[in-house]
Amino acid sequence: PLRQPPHDYCPAGADRWFQIPDGLDAGKQLFYIDHQTRPDRPDRTVLFVHGNPECSYTYRRCRDALIESGAALRIVIPDHIGFGLSDQADFEMVDVHHAANLAQLIRHLDLQNITLVVHDWGGPIGLCWALLRGGLERVERVVILNTSAFLSKSIPFTIDICRIPGFGAL
């Protein structure tokens, strides 16, 4: 995990911590950014899921551009366990472990109308959550950036995702 984050790591007042309640990482602290561009009523949520060896800081320019856009958004960007400001991992984690933690955070925050943005290893993590952990009904859009978009080594995932309801063209 990161020891001295850059000054622009997180917008002022948007830093949050989530104690994972269940599973292999129960009790660990997961850092996440939770920023509402217009706190009165965001229309949708943009959830960024980072890859490896990255953290929420990877999305800082996208985050800042969305904030400056003036759109009514809730922007949520977690640091997976073992990355960024989150607690250190105790074992060799794979995509399904991070997806389980992500599912708990999303349920805790009750995120809805999600635009899911995944990159690198964030593809298998975010898509695993959406397709295998009951997240599909919460997802409105998906943005896939330079990822293999597979669920695990044993389940290859193809571009046919565009034919799954809820994962249509933007």
Protein backbone atom coordinates (compact mmCIF):
# COMPACT_ATOMS: atom_id res chain seq x y z
CA PRO A 1 0.00 0.00 0.00
CA LEU A 2 0.92 3.61 -0.61
CA ARG A 3 2.55 5.38 2.31
CA GLN A 4 2.67 9.02 1.13
CA PRO A 5 -0.07 9.78 -1.39
CA PRO A 6 0.30 12.72 -3.78
CA HIS A 7 -1.58 15.90 -2.82
CA ASP A 8 -4.21 15.28 -5.53
CA TYR A 9 -4.85 11.64 -4.59
CA CYS A 10 -8.39 12.40 -3.46
CA PRO A 11 -10.73 15.41 -3.65
CA ALA A 12 -11.04 17.20 -0.31
CA GLY A 13 -13.63 15.52 1.90
CA ALA A 14 -14.16 12.56 -0.44
CA ASP A 15 -11.85 10.10 1.36
CA ARG A 16 -13.70 7.18 2.95
CA TRP A 17 -12.88 3.89 4.64
CA PHE A 18 -14.94 0.73 4.57
CA GLN A 19 -14.31 -2.10 7.01
CA ILE A 20 -14.96 -5.32 5.12
CA PRO A 21 -17.52 -7.25 7.18
CA ASP A 22 -17.32 -10.75 5.66
CA GLY A 23 -15.08 -13.13 3.79
CA LEU A 24 -11.35 -13.67 3.66
CA ASP A 25 -10.63 -9.96 4.22
CA ALA A 26 -13.09 -9.43 7.08
CA GLY A 27 -11.91 -6.62 9.34
CA LYS A 28 -9.60 -5.04 6.76
CA GLN A 29 -9.98 -1.37 5.83
CA LEU A 30 -10.67 -0.64 2.18
CA PHE A 31 -10.06 2.96 1.08
CA TYR A 32 -12.38 4.54 -1.47
CA ILE A 33 -13.18 7.92 -2.93
CA ASP A 34 -16.84 8.93 -2.78
CA HIS A 35 -17.46 12.32 -4.40
CA GLN A 36 -20.80 13.79 -5.43
CA THR A 37 -20.54 16.58 -7.99
CA ARG A 38 -23.95 17.91 -6.94
CA PRO A 39 -24.79 16.53 -3.49
CA ASP A 40 -28.46 17.42 -3.81
CA ARG A 41 -29.25 14.53 -6.17
CA PRO A 42 -26.78 12.70 -8.39
CA ASP A 43 -28.43 11.18 -11.49
CA ARG A 44 -26.05 8.27 -11.75
CA THR A 45 -22.94 6.72 -10.27
CA VAL A 46 -19.62 6.25 -12.04
CA LEU A 47 -17.72 3.36 -10.46
CA PHE A 48 -14.08 3.03 -11.50
CA VAL A 49 -12.34 -0.32 -10.90
CA HIS A 50 -8.55 -0.21 -11.22
CA GLY A 51 -6.10 -2.84 -12.36
CA ASN A 52 -2.78 -4.20 -11.12
CA PRO A 53 -0.42 -2.70 -9.87
CA GLU A 54 -2.55 0.43 -9.83
CA CYS A 55 -4.88 2.23 -7.45
CA SER A 56 -7.66 4.85 -7.50
CA TYR A 57 -5.08 7.49 -8.46
CA THR A 58 -4.98 5.95 -11.94
CA TYR A 59 -8.34 7.60 -12.63
CA ARG A 60 -7.53 11.07 -11.24
CA ARG A 61 -7.74 12.86 -14.59
CA CYS A 62 -11.02 11.16 -15.52
CA ARG A 63 -12.36 11.88 -12.03
CA ASP A 64 -11.37 15.53 -12.20
CA ALA A 65 -12.84 15.94 -15.72
CA LEU A 66 -16.15 14.47 -14.52
CA ILE A 67 -16.15 16.80 -11.52
CA GLU A 68 -15.50 19.80 -13.78
CA SER A 69 -18.23 18.71 -16.24
CA GLY A 70 -20.96 19.81 -13.85
CA ALA A 71 -22.97 16.63 -14.45
CA ALA A 72 -24.93 15.35 -11.45
CA LEU A 73 -22.75 12.33 -10.62
CA ARG A 74 -21.59 10.25 -7.73
CA ILE A 75 -18.01 9.14 -8.39
CA VAL A 76 -16.79 6.10 -6.45
CA ILE A 77 -13.25 4.75 -6.81
CA PRO A 78 -11.99 2.06 -4.41
CA ASP A 79 -8.42 0.92 -3.80
CA HIS A 80 -8.44 -2.88 -3.72
CA ILE A 81 -6.99 -4.57 -0.64
CA GLY A 82 -3.21 -4.54 -1.05
CA PHE A 83 -3.26 -1.42 -3.25
CA GLY A 84 -3.18 2.34 -2.73
CA LEU A 85 -4.33 3.35 0.75
CA SER A 86 -6.17 0.13 1.59
CA ASP A 87 -4.85 -2.44 4.07
CA GLN A 88 -2.19 -4.92 3.00
CA ALA A 89 -3.28 -8.30 1.66
CA ASP A 90 -2.57 -11.43 3.74
CA PHE A 91 -2.66 -13.89 0.85
CA GLU A 92 -2.26 -13.96 -2.92
CA MET A 93 -5.55 -12.46 -4.02
CA VAL A 94 -7.15 -13.10 -7.41
CA ASP A 95 -10.02 -11.41 -9.23
CA VAL A 96 -12.82 -13.23 -7.39
CA HIS A 97 -11.43 -12.14 -4.00
CA HIS A 98 -11.41 -8.48 -5.03
CA ALA A 99 -14.86 -8.89 -6.64
CA ALA A 100 -16.22 -10.20 -3.32
CA ASN A 101 -14.88 -7.12 -1.53
CA LEU A 102 -16.23 -4.84 -4.26
CA ALA A 103 -19.67 -6.45 -3.93
CA GLN A 104 -19.72 -5.73 -0.20
CA LEU A 105 -18.74 -2.08 -0.75
CA ILE A 106 -21.40 -1.61 -3.45
CA ARG A 107 -24.10 -3.14 -1.23
CA HIS A 108 -22.96 -0.98 1.70
CA LEU A 109 -23.17 2.19 -0.41
CA ASP A 110 -26.35 0.96 -2.17
CA LEU A 111 -24.98 2.11 -5.52
CA GLN A 112 -27.54 2.23 -8.34
CA ASN A 113 -27.55 3.38 -11.99
CA ILE A 114 -23.87 2.52 -12.22
CA THR A 115 -21.62 3.31 -15.13
CA LEU A 116 -18.98 0.65 -14.52
CA VAL A 117 -15.52 1.66 -15.79
CA VAL A 118 -12.97 -1.17 -15.77
CA HIS A 119 -9.33 -1.22 -16.81
CA ASP A 120 -6.66 -3.90 -16.82
CA TRP A 121 -7.25 -6.37 -13.98
CA GLY A 122 -10.27 -4.25 -13.03
CA GLY A 123 -12.07 -5.91 -15.98
CA PRO A 124 -12.19 -9.38 -14.44
CA ILE A 125 -12.91 -7.88 -11.01
CA GLY A 126 -15.72 -5.55 -12.07
CA LEU A 127 -17.31 -7.96 -14.53
CA CYS A 128 -17.09 -10.81 -12.02
CA TRP A 129 -19.02 -8.65 -9.55
CA ALA A 130 -21.60 -7.61 -12.16
CA LEU A 131 -22.21 -11.04 -13.67
CA LEU A 132 -21.58 -13.49 -10.85
CA ARG A 133 -22.27 -11.55 -7.66
CA GLY A 134 -25.67 -10.07 -8.43
CA GLY A 135 -24.58 -6.68 -9.67
CA LEU A 136 -26.10 -6.72 -13.13
CA GLU A 137 -29.37 -5.06 -12.01
CA ARG A 138 -27.36 -2.13 -10.62
CA VAL A 139 -25.39 -1.51 -13.84
CA GLU A 140 -26.65 0.93 -16.44
CA ARG A 141 -23.53 1.18 -18.63
CA VAL A 142 -20.11 -0.46 -18.96
CA VAL A 143 -16.90 1.15 -20.19
CA ILE A 144 -14.15 -1.38 -20.86
CA LEU A 145 -10.61 -0.01 -21.18
CA ASN A 146 -7.69 -2.20 -22.20
CA THR A 147 -8.66 -5.34 -20.34
CA SER A 148 -8.96 -8.96 -21.29
CA ALA A 149 -12.52 -8.83 -19.90
CA PHE A 150 -12.48 -12.37 -18.58
CA LEU A 151 -13.96 -13.66 -15.36
CA SER A 152 -11.18 -16.04 -14.45
CA LYS A 153 -8.48 -18.11 -16.11
CA SER A 154 -10.97 -20.93 -16.65
CA ILE A 155 -13.83 -18.82 -18.07
CA PRO A 156 -12.82 -16.80 -21.13
CA PHE A 157 -15.14 -13.86 -21.74
CA THR A 158 -15.62 -12.49 -25.26
CA ILE A 159 -16.97 -9.38 -26.87
CA ASP A 160 -20.42 -11.01 -26.78
CA ILE A 161 -20.89 -8.98 -23.60
CA CYS A 162 -22.54 -6.39 -25.89
CA ARG A 163 -25.43 -8.82 -26.35
CA ILE A 164 -26.14 -9.21 -22.62
CA PRO A 165 -29.11 -7.06 -21.47
CA GLY A 166 -27.81 -4.04 -19.60
CA PHE A 167 -24.48 -4.15 -21.41
CA GLY A 168 -25.65 -2.61 -24.70
CA ALA A 169 -23.94 0.12 -26.64
CA LEU A 170 -23.45 3.41 -24.83
